[in-house]
Amino acid sequence: MMELAPCPLCKSTYTYEMNDLLVCPECGHEWKAEVEIAAADGFVVKDSNGNVLQNGDSVVTIKNLPVKGTSQSIKAGTKVRNIRLVDSDHNIDCKIDGFGAMALKSEFVKKA
């Protein structure tokens, strides 16, 4: 039998699978198994809607983002392809057409 991860809230070892979710019978917490797998790798980066991001994903900005050193800004709805995740304050490295290499915070993007 496969060993399931303990509950991230109460650390109970009595978790079980229900469809694509893991469920804790003691506290009632439900979470996606893919989030647990990503958490085991070190750090997890989530977009503004709570979706887990991975290297190579495409994202869309959800608000206008000012760019330091220029009077231009990245407009809401700009699609950014082939992102790289890094463990820092701005956790997405990418290239944006017209701006070049850029670092973004994951809370200002959503998965495309």
Protein backbone atom coordinates (compact mmCIF):
# COMPACT_ATOMS: atom_id res chain seq x y z
CA MET A 1 0.00 0.00 0.00
CA MET A 2 1.27 3.46 -0.88
CA GLU A 3 2.22 5.72 2.06
CA LEU A 4 0.18 8.94 1.90
CA ALA A 5 1.52 12.24 3.19
CA PRO A 6 0.33 13.42 6.62
CA CYS A 7 -2.11 16.31 6.94
CA PRO A 8 -0.29 19.66 6.55
CA LEU A 9 -2.50 21.25 9.25
CA CYS A 10 -2.78 18.75 12.08
CA LYS A 11 -0.04 16.28 11.00
CA SER A 12 -2.43 13.32 11.25
CA THR A 13 -1.20 10.17 9.53
CA TYR A 14 -4.74 8.88 8.82
CA THR A 15 -5.14 10.65 5.45
CA TYR A 16 -6.98 9.04 2.56
CA GLU A 17 -7.58 9.73 -1.13
CA MET A 18 -10.92 10.96 -2.48
CA ASN A 19 -10.92 11.54 -6.26
CA ASP A 20 -7.91 13.83 -6.88
CA LEU A 21 -7.78 15.15 -3.29
CA LEU A 22 -6.17 13.98 -0.08
CA VAL A 23 -8.46 14.24 2.96
CA CYS A 24 -7.76 14.29 6.70
CA PRO A 25 -10.54 12.60 8.69
CA GLU A 26 -9.47 14.24 11.95
CA CYS A 27 -9.58 17.94 11.00
CA GLY A 28 -11.48 17.72 7.67
CA HIS A 29 -8.75 19.47 5.65
CA GLU A 30 -8.68 18.67 1.91
CA TRP A 31 -5.76 19.39 -0.43
CA LYS A 32 -4.48 18.35 -3.84
CA ALA A 33 -1.93 15.56 -3.94
CA GLU A 34 0.17 17.41 -6.57
CA VAL A 35 0.69 20.26 -4.09
CA GLU A 36 2.03 17.77 -1.55
CA ILE A 37 4.44 16.31 -4.13
CA ALA A 38 5.72 19.77 -5.02
CA ALA A 39 6.12 20.65 -1.33
CA ALA A 40 8.37 17.64 -0.86
CA ASP A 41 10.72 19.05 -3.52
CA GLY A 42 11.47 22.17 -1.47
CA PHE A 43 9.32 25.18 -2.26
CA VAL A 44 5.96 25.69 -3.89
CA VAL A 45 5.04 28.71 -6.02
CA LYS A 46 1.34 29.47 -6.43
CA ASP A 47 -0.36 32.04 -8.64
CA SER A 48 -2.99 34.54 -7.49
CA ASN A 49 -5.72 31.86 -7.71
CA GLY A 50 -3.77 29.25 -5.73
CA ASN A 51 -2.74 27.09 -8.72
CA VAL A 52 0.71 25.53 -8.42
CA LEU A 53 3.18 26.88 -10.98
CA GLN A 54 6.00 24.88 -12.55
CA ASN A 55 9.01 25.72 -14.70
CA GLY A 56 7.98 26.24 -18.33
CA ASP A 57 4.39 27.28 -17.59
CA SER A 58 2.70 30.27 -19.21
CA VAL A 59 1.14 32.97 -17.05
CA VAL A 60 -0.89 36.15 -17.58
CA THR A 61 -0.46 39.34 -15.53
CA ILE A 62 -3.57 40.36 -13.60
CA LYS A 63 -2.74 44.04 -13.08
CA ASN A 64 -0.56 46.79 -14.54
CA LEU A 65 2.97 46.38 -13.18
CA PRO A 66 5.30 49.40 -13.13
CA VAL A 67 8.87 48.74 -14.31
CA LYS A 68 11.69 50.45 -12.42
CA GLY A 69 13.85 52.73 -14.54
CA THR A 70 11.27 53.32 -17.27
CA SER A 71 7.99 55.17 -17.65
CA GLN A 72 6.35 52.13 -19.26
CA SER A 73 4.48 49.44 -17.38
CA ILE A 74 3.56 45.84 -18.09
CA LYS A 75 -0.14 45.92 -18.92
CA ALA A 76 -2.71 43.64 -17.32
CA GLY A 77 -3.36 40.65 -19.58
CA THR A 78 0.22 40.37 -20.87
CA LYS A 79 1.01 36.71 -21.52
CA VAL A 80 4.39 35.49 -20.31
CA ARG A 81 5.63 32.16 -21.66
CA ASN A 82 8.28 29.74 -20.41
CA ILE A 83 8.72 30.97 -16.84
CA ARG A 84 11.49 29.84 -14.48
CA LEU A 85 10.83 29.54 -10.75
CA VAL A 86 13.41 30.81 -8.27
CA ASP A 87 13.47 30.82 -4.48
CA SER A 88 13.58 34.57 -3.77
CA ASP A 89 11.30 37.58 -3.17
CA HIS A 90 10.37 37.83 -6.87
CA ASN A 91 9.89 34.11 -7.53
CA ILE A 92 9.36 34.11 -11.32
CA ASP A 93 12.14 34.82 -13.82
CA CYS A 94 11.02 35.39 -17.41
CA LYS A 95 11.51 37.36 -20.60
CA ILE A 96 8.79 39.77 -21.68
CA ASP A 97 8.64 41.07 -25.26
CA GLY A 98 9.56 44.76 -25.30
CA PHE A 99 11.05 44.67 -21.78
CA GLY A 100 13.61 41.84 -21.74
CA ALA A 101 14.54 39.79 -18.68
CA MET A 102 12.23 40.41 -15.77
CA ALA A 103 11.50 39.11 -12.26
CA LEU A 104 7.84 38.94 -11.21
CA LYS A 105 6.01 38.09 -8.02
CA SER A 106 3.63 35.16 -8.34
CA GLU A 107 0.77 37.01 -6.64
CA PHE A 108 0.44 39.30 -9.68
CA VAL A 109 -0.01 36.52 -12.27
CA LYS A 110 -2.45 33.72 -13.01
CA LYS A 111 -1.80 30.46 -14.82
CA ALA A 112 -2.69 30.63 -18.52
